[in-house]
Amino acid sequence: SVQLSCAASTSTYCLEWFRQAPGKEREGVAGIEYFGKTYYADS
């Protein structure tokens, strides 16, 4: 396990995590909106 953190300079409605492996496109991993709604890639 590992926990990633991301600090933003200001408030924003949506914050998401993406990832990019060599030779592949950047893909969305997970997102969260201001009031807590979450989104996840199936993987």
Full PDB file with SEQRES, HELIX, SHEET, SSBOND, CRYST1, ORIGX, SCALE, CONECT and MASTER records, all heavy atoms in Angstrom:
SEQRES   1 A   43  SER VAL GLN LEU SER CYS ALA ALA SER THR SER THR TYR          
SEQRES   2 A   43  CYS LEU GLU TRP PHE ARG GLN ALA PRO GLY LYS GLU ARG          
SEQRES   3 A   43  GLU GLY VAL ALA GLY ILE GLU TYR PHE GLY LYS THR TYR          
SEQRES   4 A   43  TYR ALA ASP SER                                              
SHEET    1 AA1 3 CYS A  14  ARG A  19  0                                        
SHEET    2 AA1 3 GLU A  27  GLU A  33 -1                                        
SHEET    3 AA1 3 THR A  38  TYR A  40 -1                                        
CRYST1    1.000    1.000    1.000  90.00  90.00  90.00 P 1           1          
ORIGX1      1.000000  0.000000  0.000000        0.00000                         
ORIGX2      0.000000  1.000000  0.000000        0.00000                         
ORIGX3      0.000000  0.000000  1.000000        0.00000                         
SCALE1      1.000000  0.000000  0.000000        0.00000                         
SCALE2      0.000000  1.000000  0.000000        0.00000                         
SCALE3      0.000000  0.000000  1.000000        0.00000                         
ATOM      1  N   SER A   1       0.823  -1.200   0.000  1.00  0.00           N  
ATOM      2  CA  SER A   1       0.000   0.000   0.000  1.00  0.00           C  
ATOM      3  C   SER A   1       0.856   1.248   0.000  1.00  0.00           C  
ATOM      4  O   SER A   1       1.996   1.246   0.471  1.00  0.00           O  
ATOM      5  CB  SER A   1      -0.905   0.038   1.238  1.00  0.00           C  
ATOM      6  OG  SER A   1      -1.793  -1.058   1.270  1.00  0.00           O  
ATOM      7  N   VAL A   2       0.300   2.318  -0.522  1.00  0.00           N  
ATOM      8  CA  VAL A   2       0.932   3.623  -0.475  1.00  0.00           C  
ATOM      9  C   VAL A   2      -0.159   4.671  -0.536  1.00  0.00           C  
ATOM     10  O   VAL A   2      -1.221   4.437  -1.115  1.00  0.00           O  
ATOM     11  CB  VAL A   2       1.944   3.801  -1.636  1.00  0.00           C  
ATOM     12  CG1 VAL A   2       1.231   3.827  -2.979  1.00  0.00           C  
ATOM     13  CG2 VAL A   2       2.793   5.051  -1.441  1.00  0.00           C  
ATOM     14  N   GLN A   3       0.085   5.814   0.067  1.00  0.00           N  
ATOM     15  CA  GLN A   3      -0.856   6.925  -0.008  1.00  0.00           C  
ATOM     16  C   GLN A   3      -0.197   8.106  -0.687  1.00  0.00           C  
ATOM     17  O   GLN A   3       0.877   8.555  -0.270  1.00  0.00           O  
ATOM     18  CB  GLN A   3      -1.352   7.349   1.377  1.00  0.00           C  
ATOM     19  CG  GLN A   3      -2.432   8.424   1.311  1.00  0.00           C  
ATOM     20  CD  GLN A   3      -2.911   8.886   2.670  1.00  0.00           C  
ATOM     21  OE1 GLN A   3      -2.158   9.460   3.451  1.00  0.00           O  
ATOM     22  NE2 GLN A   3      -4.181   8.629   2.966  1.00  0.00           N  
ATOM     23  N   LEU A   4      -0.847   8.614  -1.716  1.00  0.00           N  
ATOM     24  CA  LEU A   4      -0.396   9.797  -2.410  1.00  0.00           C  
ATOM     25  C   LEU A   4      -1.152  11.015  -1.901  1.00  0.00           C  
ATOM     26  O   LEU A   4      -2.319  10.914  -1.512  1.00  0.00           O  
ATOM     27  CB  LEU A   4      -0.624   9.669  -3.916  1.00  0.00           C  
ATOM     28  CG  LEU A   4      -0.040   8.431  -4.603  1.00  0.00           C  
ATOM     29  CD1 LEU A   4      -0.336   8.491  -6.101  1.00  0.00           C  
ATOM     30  CD2 LEU A   4       1.448   8.319  -4.349  1.00  0.00           C  
ATOM     31  N   SER A   5      -0.500  12.154  -1.927  1.00  0.00           N  
ATOM     32  CA  SER A   5      -1.119  13.411  -1.539  1.00  0.00           C  
ATOM     33  C   SER A   5      -0.899  14.439  -2.633  1.00  0.00           C  
ATOM     34  O   SER A   5       0.112  14.409  -3.331  1.00  0.00           O  
ATOM     35  CB  SER A   5      -0.521  13.937  -0.228  1.00  0.00           C  
ATOM     36  OG  SER A   5      -0.710  13.026   0.834  1.00  0.00           O  
ATOM     37  N   CYS A   6      -1.833  15.349  -2.770  1.00  0.00           N  
ATOM     38  CA  CYS A   6      -1.715  16.442  -3.727  1.00  0.00           C  
ATOM     39  C   CYS A   6      -2.279  17.692  -3.089  1.00  0.00           C  
ATOM     40  O   CYS A   6      -3.468  17.730  -2.748  1.00  0.00           O  
ATOM     41  CB  CYS A   6      -2.452  16.115  -5.022  1.00  0.00           C  
ATOM     42  SG  CYS A   6      -2.543  17.479  -6.199  1.00  0.00           S  
ATOM     43  N   ALA A   7      -1.439  18.694  -2.943  1.00  0.00           N  
ATOM     44  CA  ALA A   7      -1.853  19.971  -2.376  1.00  0.00           C  
ATOM     45  C   ALA A   7      -2.086  20.974  -3.489  1.00  0.00           C  
ATOM     46  O   ALA A   7      -1.210  21.192  -4.325  1.00  0.00           O  
ATOM     47  CB  ALA A   7      -0.787  20.484  -1.412  1.00  0.00           C  
ATOM     48  N   ALA A   8      -3.264  21.586  -3.500  1.00  0.00           N  
ATOM     49  CA  ALA A   8      -3.629  22.581  -4.498  1.00  0.00           C  
ATOM     50  C   ALA A   8      -3.493  23.982  -3.920  1.00  0.00           C  
ATOM     51  O   ALA A   8      -3.646  24.192  -2.716  1.00  0.00           O  
ATOM     52  CB  ALA A   8      -5.054  22.354  -4.987  1.00  0.00           C  
ATOM     53  N   SER A   9      -3.227  24.935  -4.790  1.00  0.00           N  
ATOM     54  CA  SER A   9      -3.029  26.312  -4.354  1.00  0.00           C  
ATOM     55  C   SER A   9      -4.326  27.025  -4.020  1.00  0.00           C  
ATOM     56  O   SER A   9      -4.310  28.056  -3.343  1.00  0.00           O  
ATOM     57  CB  SER A   9      -2.277  27.097  -5.428  1.00  0.00           C  
ATOM     58  OG  SER A   9      -3.017  27.142  -6.637  1.00  0.00           O  
ATOM     59  N   THR A  10      -5.447  26.492  -4.484  1.00  0.00           N  
ATOM     60  CA  THR A  10      -6.740  27.097  -4.223  1.00  0.00           C  
ATOM     61  C   THR A  10      -7.809  26.023  -4.286  1.00  0.00           C  
ATOM     62  O   THR A  10      -7.558  24.894  -4.717  1.00  0.00           O  
ATOM     63  CB  THR A  10      -7.037  28.213  -5.242  1.00  0.00           C  
ATOM     64  OG1 THR A  10      -8.205  28.932  -4.853  1.00  0.00           O  
ATOM     65  CG2 THR A  10      -7.246  27.634  -6.632  1.00  0.00           C  
ATOM     66  N   SER A  11      -8.987  26.368  -3.859  1.00  0.00           N  
ATOM     67  CA  SER A  11     -10.103  25.439  -3.909  1.00  0.00           C  
ATOM     68  C   SER A  11     -10.522  25.201  -5.360  1.00  0.00           C  
ATOM     69  O   SER A  11     -10.511  26.111  -6.182  1.00  0.00           O  
ATOM     70  CB  SER A  11     -11.275  25.989  -3.106  1.00  0.00           C  
ATOM     71  OG  SER A  11     -12.397  25.138  -3.193  1.00  0.00           O  
ATOM     72  N   THR A  12     -10.903  23.966  -5.657  1.00  0.00           N  
ATOM     73  CA  THR A  12     -11.394  23.627  -6.986  1.00  0.00           C  
ATOM     74  C   THR A  12     -12.444  22.529  -6.854  1.00  0.00           C  
ATOM     75  O   THR A  12     -12.392  21.718  -5.930  1.00  0.00           O  
ATOM     76  CB  THR A  12     -10.236  23.187  -7.902  1.00  0.00           C  
ATOM     77  OG1 THR A  12     -10.702  23.020  -9.235  1.00  0.00           O  
ATOM     78  CG2 THR A  12      -9.616  21.892  -7.403  1.00  0.00           C  
ATOM     79  N   TYR A  13     -13.399  22.522  -7.774  1.00  0.00           N  
ATOM     80  CA  TYR A  13     -14.543  21.626  -7.611  1.00  0.00           C  
ATOM     81  C   TYR A  13     -14.171  20.156  -7.749  1.00  0.00           C  
ATOM     82  O   TYR A  13     -14.624  19.319  -6.971  1.00  0.00           O  
ATOM     83  CB  TYR A  13     -15.644  21.961  -8.611  1.00  0.00           C  
ATOM     84  CG  TYR A  13     -16.948  21.266  -8.291  1.00  0.00           C  
ATOM     85  CD1 TYR A  13     -17.749  21.718  -7.253  1.00  0.00           C  
ATOM     86  CD2 TYR A  13     -17.358  20.151  -9.010  1.00  0.00           C  
ATOM     87  CE1 TYR A  13     -18.932  21.074  -6.934  1.00  0.00           C  
ATOM     88  CE2 TYR A  13     -18.543  19.506  -8.704  1.00  0.00           C  
ATOM     89  CZ  TYR A  13     -19.325  19.975  -7.664  1.00  0.00           C  
ATOM     90  OH  TYR A  13     -20.500  19.327  -7.352  1.00  0.00           O  
ATOM     91  N   CYS A  14     -13.371  19.855  -8.735  1.00  0.00           N  
ATOM     92  CA  CYS A  14     -12.973  18.472  -8.987  1.00  0.00           C  
ATOM     93  C   CYS A  14     -11.460  18.324  -8.842  1.00  0.00           C  
ATOM     94  O   CYS A  14     -10.697  19.106  -9.405  1.00  0.00           O  
ATOM     95  CB  CYS A  14     -13.388  18.029 -10.382  1.00  0.00           C  
ATOM     96  SG  CYS A  14     -12.735  16.399 -10.862  1.00  0.00           S  
ATOM     97  N   LEU A  15     -11.070  17.304  -8.121  1.00  0.00           N  
ATOM     98  CA  LEU A  15      -9.675  16.903  -8.042  1.00  0.00           C  
ATOM     99  C   LEU A  15      -9.589  15.441  -8.441  1.00  0.00           C  
ATOM    100  O   LEU A  15     -10.366  14.625  -7.946  1.00  0.00           O  
ATOM    101  CB  LEU A  15      -9.121  17.096  -6.632  1.00  0.00           C  
ATOM    102  CG  LEU A  15      -8.981  18.543  -6.159  1.00  0.00           C  
ATOM    103  CD1 LEU A  15      -8.728  18.590  -4.656  1.00  0.00           C  
ATOM    104  CD2 LEU A  15      -7.851  19.239  -6.913  1.00  0.00           C  
ATOM    105  N   GLU A  16      -8.677  15.132  -9.338  1.00  0.00           N  
ATOM    106  CA  GLU A  16      -8.553  13.771  -9.838  1.00  0.00           C  
ATOM    107  C   GLU A  16      -7.102  13.305  -9.833  1.00  0.00           C  
ATOM    108  O   GLU A  16      -6.171  14.108  -9.869  1.00  0.00           O  
ATOM    109  CB  GLU A  16      -9.100  13.645 -11.268  1.00  0.00           C  
ATOM    110  CG  GLU A  16     -10.597  13.793 -11.362  1.00  0.00           C  
ATOM    111  CD  GLU A  16     -11.169  13.309 -12.683  1.00  0.00           C  
ATOM    112  OE1 GLU A  16     -10.418  12.775 -13.524  1.00  0.00           O  
ATOM    113  OE2 GLU A  16     -12.396  13.460 -12.870  1.00  0.00           O  
ATOM    114  N   TRP A  17      -6.957  12.000  -9.805  1.00  0.00           N  
ATOM    115  CA  TRP A  17      -5.669  11.364  -9.993  1.00  0.00           C  
ATOM    116  C   TRP A  17      -5.651  10.668 -11.350  1.00  0.00           C  
ATOM    117  O   TRP A  17      -6.589   9.944 -11.697  1.00  0.00           O  
ATOM    118  CB  TRP A  17      -5.387  10.340  -8.896  1.00  0.00           C  
ATOM    119  CG  TRP A  17      -5.059  10.962  -7.584  1.00  0.00           C  
ATOM    120  CD1 TRP A  17      -5.895  11.173  -6.537  1.00  0.00           C  
ATOM    121  CD2 TRP A  17      -3.778  11.460  -7.180  1.00  0.00           C  
ATOM    122  NE1 TRP A  17      -5.231  11.766  -5.496  1.00  0.00           N  
ATOM    123  CE2 TRP A  17      -3.924  11.957  -5.862  1.00  0.00           C  
ATOM    124  CE3 TRP A  17      -2.520  11.530  -7.788  1.00  0.00           C  
ATOM    125  CZ2 TRP A  17      -2.862  12.517  -5.151  1.00  0.00           C  
ATOM    126  CZ3 TRP A  17      -1.469  12.091  -7.092  1.00  0.00           C  
ATOM    127  CH2 TRP A  17      -1.649  12.572  -5.789  1.00  0.00           C  
ATOM    128  N   PHE A  18      -4.585  10.892 -12.078  1.00  0.00           N  
ATOM    129  CA  PHE A  18      -4.321  10.227 -13.341  1.00  0.00           C  
ATOM    130  C   PHE A  18      -3.001   9.485 -13.237  1.00  0.00           C  
ATOM    131  O   PHE A  18      -2.196   9.746 -12.338  1.00  0.00           O  
ATOM    132  CB  PHE A  18      -4.247  11.239 -14.489  1.00  0.00           C  
ATOM    133  CG  PHE A  18      -5.546  11.935 -14.787  1.00  0.00           C  
ATOM    134  CD1 PHE A  18      -6.000  12.973 -13.986  1.00  0.00           C  
ATOM    135  CD2 PHE A  18      -6.313  11.560 -15.872  1.00  0.00           C  
ATOM    136  CE1 PHE A  18      -7.190  13.620 -14.254  1.00  0.00           C  
ATOM    137  CE2 PHE A  18      -7.512  12.204 -16.160  1.00  0.00           C  
ATOM    138  CZ  PHE A  18      -7.947  13.229 -15.346  1.00  0.00           C  
ATOM    139  N   ARG A  19      -2.783   8.583 -14.160  1.00  0.00           N  
ATOM    140  CA  ARG A  19      -1.496   7.907 -14.206  1.00  0.00           C  
ATOM    141  C   ARG A  19      -1.091   7.670 -15.648  1.00  0.00           C  
ATOM    142  O   ARG A  19      -1.934   7.568 -16.539  1.00  0.00           O  
ATOM    143  CB  ARG A  19      -1.513   6.588 -13.435  1.00  0.00           C  
ATOM    144  CG  ARG A  19      -2.422   5.516 -14.009  1.00  0.00           C  
ATOM    145  CD  ARG A  19      -2.480   4.318 -13.071  1.00  0.00           C  
ATOM    146  NE  ARG A  19      -3.305   3.242 -13.594  1.00  0.00           N  
ATOM    147  CZ  ARG A  19      -3.650   2.168 -12.912  1.00  0.00           C  
ATOM    148  NH1 ARG A  19      -3.224   2.013 -11.646  1.00  0.00           N  
ATOM    149  NH2 ARG A  19      -4.406   1.232 -13.462  1.00  0.00           N  
ATOM    150  N   GLN A  20       0.203   7.579 -15.852  1.00  0.00           N  
ATOM    151  CA  GLN A  20       0.726   7.347 -17.187  1.00  0.00           C  
ATOM    152  C   GLN A  20       1.917   6.411 -17.103  1.00  0.00           C  
ATOM    153  O   GLN A  20       2.909   6.715 -16.442  1.00  0.00           O  
ATOM    154  CB  GLN A  20       1.126   8.651 -17.868  1.00  0.00           C  
ATOM    155  CG  GLN A  20       1.497   8.491 -19.325  1.00  0.00           C  
ATOM    156  CD  GLN A  20       1.567   9.814 -20.055  1.00  0.00           C  
ATOM    157  OE1 GLN A  20       1.809  10.855 -19.448  1.00  0.00           O  
ATOM    158  NE2 GLN A  20       1.346   9.787 -21.349  1.00  0.00           N  
ATOM    159  N   ALA A  21       1.785   5.276 -17.768  1.00  0.00           N  
ATOM    160  CA  ALA A  21       2.865   4.311 -17.864  1.00  0.00           C  
ATOM    161  C   ALA A  21       3.586   4.511 -19.190  1.00  0.00           C  
ATOM    162  O   ALA A  21       3.016   5.062 -20.138  1.00  0.00           O  
ATOM    163  CB  ALA A  21       2.315   2.892 -17.765  1.00  0.00           C  
ATOM    164  N   PRO A  22       4.837   4.066 -19.292  1.00  0.00           N  
ATOM    165  CA  PRO A  22       5.577   4.230 -20.543  1.00  0.00           C  
ATOM    166  C   PRO A  22       4.832   3.653 -21.736  1.00  0.00           C  
ATOM    167  O   PRO A  22       4.332   2.525 -21.688  1.00  0.00           O  
ATOM    168  CB  PRO A  22       6.874   3.464 -20.279  1.00  0.00           C  
ATOM    169  CG  PRO A  22       7.051   3.540 -18.801  1.00  0.00           C  
ATOM    170  CD  PRO A  22       5.655   3.440 -18.244  1.00  0.00           C  
ATOM    171  N   GLY A  23       4.737   4.433 -22.804  1.00  0.00           N  
ATOM    172  CA  GLY A  23       4.085   3.987 -24.017  1.00  0.00           C  
ATOM    173  C   GLY A  23       2.575   4.009 -23.989  1.00  0.00           C  
ATOM    174  O   GLY A  23       1.941   3.584 -24.964  1.00  0.00           O  
ATOM    175  N   LYS A  24       1.985   4.489 -22.905  1.00  0.00           N  
ATOM    176  CA  LYS A  24       0.537   4.519 -22.789  1.00  0.00           C  
ATOM    177  C   LYS A  24       0.033   5.941 -22.575  1.00  0.00           C  
ATOM    178  O   LYS A  24       0.780   6.820 -22.153  1.00  0.00           O  
ATOM    179  CB  LYS A  24       0.075   3.622 -21.640  1.00  0.00           C  
ATOM    180  CG  LYS A  24       0.391   2.152 -21.828  1.00  0.00           C  
ATOM    181  CD  LYS A  24      -0.205   1.315 -20.719  1.00  0.00           C  
ATOM    182  CE  LYS A  24       0.060  -0.157 -20.941  1.00  0.00           C  
ATOM    183  NZ  LYS A  24      -0.532  -0.986 -19.861  1.00  0.00           N  
ATOM    184  N   GLU A  25      -1.238   6.145 -22.871  1.00  0.00           N  
ATOM    185  CA  GLU A  25      -1.859   7.436 -22.650  1.00  0.00           C  
ATOM    186  C   GLU A  25      -2.122   7.655 -21.172  1.00  0.00           C  
ATOM    187  O   GLU A  25      -2.248   6.709 -20.400  1.00  0.00           O  
ATOM    188  CB  GLU A  25      -3.182   7.538 -23.421  1.00  0.00           C  
ATOM    189  CG  GLU A  25      -3.033   7.522 -24.925  1.00  0.00           C  
ATOM    190  CD  GLU A  25      -4.354   7.723 -25.638  1.00  0.00           C  
ATOM    191  OE1 GLU A  25      -5.413   7.604 -24.987  1.00  0.00           O  
ATOM    192  OE2 GLU A  25      -4.327   8.013 -26.838  1.00  0.00           O  
ATOM    193  N   ARG A  26      -2.211   8.927 -20.790  1.00  0.00           N  
ATOM    194  CA  ARG A  26      -2.578   9.254 -19.435  1.00  0.00           C  
ATOM    195  C   ARG A  26      -4.034   8.857 -19.199  1.00  0.00           C  
ATOM    196  O   ARG A  26      -4.919   9.202 -19.987  1.00  0.00           O  
ATOM    197  CB  ARG A  26      -2.375  10.748 -19.186  1.00  0.00           C  
ATOM    198  CG  ARG A  26      -2.498  11.158 -17.735  1.00  0.00           C  
ATOM    199  CD  ARG A  26      -2.055  12.609 -17.526  1.00  0.00           C  
ATOM    200  NE  ARG A  26      -0.646  12.794 -17.853  1.00  0.00           N  
ATOM    201  CZ  ARG A  26       0.035  13.897 -17.603  1.00  0.00           C  
ATOM    202  NH1 ARG A  26      -0.559  14.926 -17.002  1.00  0.00           N  
ATOM    203  NH2 ARG A  26       1.307  13.989 -17.956  1.00  0.00           N  
ATOM    204  N   GLU A  27      -4.297   8.126 -18.125  1.00  0.00           N  
ATOM    205  CA  GLU A  27      -5.632   7.638 -17.847  1.00  0.00           C  
ATOM    206  C   GLU A  27      -6.118   8.108 -16.484  1.00  0.00           C  
ATOM    207  O   GLU A  27      -5.338   8.214 -15.538  1.00  0.00           O  
ATOM    208  CB  GLU A  27      -5.687   6.112 -17.921  1.00  0.00           C  
ATOM    209  CG  GLU A  27      -4.818   5.411 -16.901  1.00  0.00           C  
ATOM    210  CD  GLU A  27      -4.974   3.905 -16.910  1.00  0.00           C  
ATOM    211  OE1 GLU A  27      -5.951   3.407 -17.505  1.00  0.00           O  
ATOM    212  OE2 GLU A  27      -4.114   3.214 -16.323  1.00  0.00           O  
ATOM    213  N   GLY A  28      -7.415   8.356 -16.402  1.00  0.00           N  
ATOM    214  CA  GLY A  28      -8.006   8.744 -15.140  1.00  0.00           C  
ATOM    215  C   GLY A  28      -8.117   7.562 -14.201  1.00  0.00           C  
ATOM    216  O   GLY A  28      -8.578   6.490 -14.599  1.00  0.00           O  
ATOM    217  N   VAL A  29      -7.706   7.742 -12.972  1.00  0.00           N  
ATOM    218  CA  VAL A  29      -7.729   6.692 -11.959  1.00  0.00           C  
ATOM    219  C   VAL A  29      -8.872   6.890 -10.987  1.00  0.00           C  
ATOM    220  O   VAL A  29      -9.643   5.969 -10.709  1.00  0.00           O  
ATOM    221  CB  VAL A  29      -6.390   6.638 -11.205  1.00  0.00           C  
ATOM    222  CG1 VAL A  29      -6.452   5.638 -10.058  1.00  0.00           C  
ATOM    223  CG2 VAL A  29      -5.257   6.292 -12.164  1.00  0.00           C  
ATOM    224  N   ALA A  30      -8.986   8.086 -10.434  1.00  0.00           N  
ATOM    225  CA  ALA A  30     -10.012   8.379  -9.445  1.00  0.00           C  
ATOM    226  C   ALA A  30     -10.249   9.876  -9.395  1.00  0.00           C  
ATOM    227  O   ALA A  30      -9.334  10.665  -9.622  1.00  0.00           O  
ATOM    228  CB  ALA A  30      -9.607   7.868  -8.060  1.00  0.00           C  
ATOM    229  N   GLY A  31     -11.473  10.262  -9.096  1.00  0.00           N  
ATOM    230  CA  GLY A  31     -11.817  11.659  -8.963  1.00  0.00           C  
ATOM    231  C   GLY A  31     -12.732  11.876  -7.777  1.00  0.00           C  
ATOM    232  O   GLY A  31     -13.446  10.964  -7.350  1.00  0.00           O  
ATOM    233  N   ILE A  32     -12.701  13.087  -7.247  1.00  0.00           N  
ATOM    234  CA  ILE A  32     -13.583  13.435  -6.141  1.00  0.00           C  
ATOM    235  C   ILE A  32     -14.009  14.886  -6.291  1.00  0.00           C  
ATOM    236  O   ILE A  32     -13.191  15.760  -6.582  1.00  0.00           O  
ATOM    237  CB  ILE A  32     -12.916  13.168  -4.773  1.00  0.00           C  
ATOM    238  CG1 ILE A  32     -13.904  13.430  -3.634  1.00  0.00           C  
ATOM    239  CG2 ILE A  32     -11.632  13.976  -4.603  1.00  0.00           C  
ATOM    240  CD1 ILE A  32     -13.435  12.873  -2.299  1.00  0.00           C  
ATOM    241  N   GLU A  33     -15.297  15.131  -6.108  1.00  0.00           N  
ATOM    242  CA  GLU A  33     -15.850  16.466  -6.187  1.00  0.00           C  
ATOM    243  C   GLU A  33     -15.932  17.114  -4.816  1.00  0.00           C  
ATOM    244  O   GLU A  33     -15.727  16.452  -3.786  1.00  0.00           O  
ATOM    245  CB  GLU A  33     -17.202  16.422  -6.893  1.00  0.00           C  
ATOM    246  CG  GLU A  33     -17.061  15.989  -8.351  1.00  0.00           C  
ATOM    247  CD  GLU A  33     -18.370  15.731  -9.054  1.00  0.00           C  
ATOM    248  OE1 GLU A  33     -19.433  15.742  -8.397  1.00  0.00           O  
ATOM    249  OE2 GLU A  33     -18.323  15.513 -10.286  1.00  0.00           O  
ATOM    250  N   TYR A  34     -16.234  18.390  -4.803  1.00  0.00           N  
ATOM    251  CA  TYR A  34     -16.155  19.181  -3.586  1.00  0.00           C  
ATOM    252  C   TYR A  34     -16.989  18.597  -2.446  1.00  0.00           C  
ATOM    253  O   TYR A  34     -16.563  18.609  -1.287  1.00  0.00           O  
ATOM    254  CB  TYR A  34     -16.600  20.617  -3.862  1.00  0.00           C  
ATOM    255  CG  TYR A  34     -16.288  21.571  -2.739  1.00  0.00           C  
ATOM    256  CD1 TYR A  34     -15.040  22.188  -2.655  1.00  0.00           C  
ATOM    257  CD2 TYR A  34     -17.234  21.871  -1.767  1.00  0.00           C  
ATOM    258  CE1 TYR A  34     -14.748  23.065  -1.633  1.00  0.00           C  
ATOM    259  CE2 TYR A  34     -16.947  22.750  -0.741  1.00  0.00           C  
ATOM    260  CZ  TYR A  34     -15.702  23.351  -0.675  1.00  0.00           C  
ATOM    261  OH  TYR A  34     -15.416  24.226   0.341  1.00  0.00           O  
ATOM    262  N   PHE A  35     -18.171  18.082  -2.787  1.00  0.00           N  
ATOM    263  CA  PHE A  35     -19.056  17.567  -1.753  1.00  0.00           C  
ATOM    264  C   PHE A  35     -18.929  16.064  -1.549  1.00  0.00           C  
ATOM    265  O   PHE A  35     -19.749  15.461  -0.856  1.00  0.00           O  
ATOM    266  CB  PHE A  35     -20.511  17.951  -2.053  1.00  0.00           C  
ATOM    267  CG  PHE A  35     -20.725  19.432  -2.039  1.00  0.00           C  
ATOM    268  CD1 PHE A  35     -20.902  20.129  -3.225  1.00  0.00           C  
ATOM    269  CD2 PHE A  35     -20.736  20.136  -0.854  1.00  0.00           C  
ATOM    270  CE1 PHE A  35     -21.090  21.500  -3.216  1.00  0.00           C  
ATOM    271  CE2 PHE A  35     -20.923  21.507  -0.828  1.00  0.00           C  
ATOM    272  CZ  PHE A  35     -21.100  22.187  -2.013  1.00  0.00           C  
ATOM    273  N   GLY A  36     -17.904  15.454  -2.156  1.00  0.00           N  
ATOM    274  CA  GLY A  36     -17.562  14.089  -1.823  1.00  0.00           C  
ATOM    275  C   GLY A  36     -17.922  13.010  -2.823  1.00  0.00           C  
ATOM    276  O   GLY A  36     -17.600  11.839  -2.574  1.00  0.00           O  
ATOM    277  N   LYS A  37     -18.575  13.338  -3.922  1.00  0.00           N  
ATOM    278  CA  LYS A  37     -18.881  12.313  -4.911  1.00  0.00           C  
ATOM    279  C   LYS A  37     -17.592  11.803  -5.526  1.00  0.00           C  
ATOM    280  O   LYS A  37     -16.728  12.591  -5.909  1.00  0.00           O  
ATOM    281  CB  LYS A  37     -19.800  12.861  -5.999  1.00  0.00           C  
ATOM    282  CG  LYS A  37     -20.247  11.804  -6.999  1.00  0.00           C  
ATOM    283  CD  LYS A  37     -21.244  12.363  -8.000  1.00  0.00           C  
ATOM    284  CE  LYS A  37     -21.711  11.295  -8.966  1.00  0.00           C  
ATOM    285  NZ  LYS A  37     -22.693  11.829  -9.940  1.00  0.00           N  
ATOM    286  N   THR A  38     -17.470  10.490  -5.630  1.00  0.00           N  
ATOM    287  CA  THR A  38     -16.241   9.883  -6.115  1.00  0.00           C  
ATOM    288  C   THR A  38     -16.456   9.103  -7.400  1.00  0.00           C  
ATOM    289  O   THR A  38     -17.559   8.636  -7.692  1.00  0.00           O  
ATOM    290  CB  THR A  38     -15.631   8.951  -5.060  1.00  0.00           C  
ATOM    291  OG1 THR A  38     -16.590   7.950  -4.691  1.00  0.00           O  
ATOM    292  CG2 THR A  38     -15.216   9.731  -3.822  1.00  0.00           C  
ATOM    293  N   TYR A  39     -15.368   8.952  -8.145  1.00  0.00           N  
ATOM    294  CA  TYR A  39     -15.348   8.226  -9.400  1.00  0.00           C  
ATOM    295  C   TYR A  39     -14.089   7.377  -9.413  1.00  0.00           C  
ATOM    296  O   TYR A  39     -13.029   7.822  -8.974  1.00  0.00           O  
ATOM    297  CB  TYR A  39     -15.300   9.186 -10.595  1.00  0.00           C  
ATOM    298  CG  TYR A  39     -16.395  10.220 -10.639  1.00  0.00           C  
ATOM    299  CD1 TYR A  39     -16.366  11.333  -9.806  1.00  0.00           C  
ATOM    300  CD2 TYR A  39     -17.452  10.106 -11.532  1.00  0.00           C  
ATOM    301  CE1 TYR A  39     -17.368  12.291  -9.851  1.00  0.00           C  
ATOM    302  CE2 TYR A  39     -18.451  11.052 -11.587  1.00  0.00           C  
ATOM    303  CZ  TYR A  39     -18.403  12.148 -10.744  1.00  0.00           C  
ATOM    304  OH  TYR A  39     -19.399  13.098 -10.801  1.00  0.00           O  
ATOM    305  N   TYR A  40     -14.195   6.164  -9.935  1.00  0.00           N  
ATOM    306  CA  TYR A  40     -13.053   5.279 -10.007  1.00  0.00           C  
ATOM    307  C   TYR A  40     -13.009   4.563 -11.344  1.00  0.00           C  
ATOM    308  O   TYR A  40     -14.044   4.173 -11.888  1.00  0.00           O  
ATOM    309  CB  TYR A  40     -13.097   4.217  -8.906  1.00  0.00           C  
ATOM    310  CG  TYR A  40     -12.960   4.754  -7.510  1.00  0.00           C  
ATOM    311  CD1 TYR A  40     -14.085   4.998  -6.730  1.00  0.00           C  
ATOM    312  CD2 TYR A  40     -11.709   5.005  -6.968  1.00  0.00           C  
ATOM    313  CE1 TYR A  40     -13.969   5.487  -5.443  1.00  0.00           C  
ATOM    314  CE2 TYR A  40     -11.583   5.495  -5.679  1.00  0.00           C  
ATOM    315  CZ  TYR A  40     -12.710   5.734  -4.923  1.00  0.00           C  
ATOM    316  OH  TYR A  40     -12.586   6.215  -3.645  1.00  0.00           O  
ATOM    317  N   ALA A  41     -11.814   4.368 -11.843  1.00  0.00           N  
ATOM    318  CA  ALA A  41     -11.629   3.478 -12.974  1.00  0.00           C  
ATOM    319  C   ALA A  41     -11.911   2.052 -12.523  1.00  0.00           C  
ATOM    320  O   ALA A  41     -11.643   1.678 -11.376  1.00  0.00           O  
ATOM    321  CB  ALA A  41     -10.205   3.589 -13.509  1.00  0.00           C  
ATOM    322  N   ASP A  42     -12.457   1.252 -13.430  1.00  0.00           N  
ATOM    323  CA  ASP A  42     -12.793  -0.126 -13.078  1.00  0.00           C  
ATOM    324  C   ASP A  42     -11.584  -0.903 -12.560  1.00  0.00           C  
ATOM    325  O   ASP A  42     -11.717  -1.766 -11.690  1.00  0.00           O  
ATOM    326  CB  ASP A  42     -13.388  -0.850 -14.286  1.00  0.00           C  
ATOM    327  CG  ASP A  42     -14.786  -0.380 -14.617  1.00  0.00           C  
ATOM    328  OD1 ASP A  42     -15.438   0.237 -13.754  1.00  0.00           O  
ATOM    329  OD2 ASP A  42     -15.240  -0.644 -15.752  1.00  0.00           O  
ATOM    330  N   SER A  43     -10.416  -0.593 -13.073  1.00  0.00           N  
ATOM    331  CA  SER A  43      -9.218  -1.336 -12.717  1.00  0.00           C  
ATOM    332  C   SER A  43      -8.765  -1.127 -11.275  1.00  0.00           C  
ATOM    333  O   SER A  43      -7.967  -1.913 -10.760  1.00  0.00           O  
ATOM    334  CB  SER A  43      -8.070  -0.968 -13.662  1.00  0.00           C  
ATOM    335  OG  SER A  43      -7.772   0.414 -13.589  1.00  0.00           O  
TER     336      SER A  43                                                      
MASTER        0    0    0    0    3    0    0    6  335    1    0    4          
END                                                                             
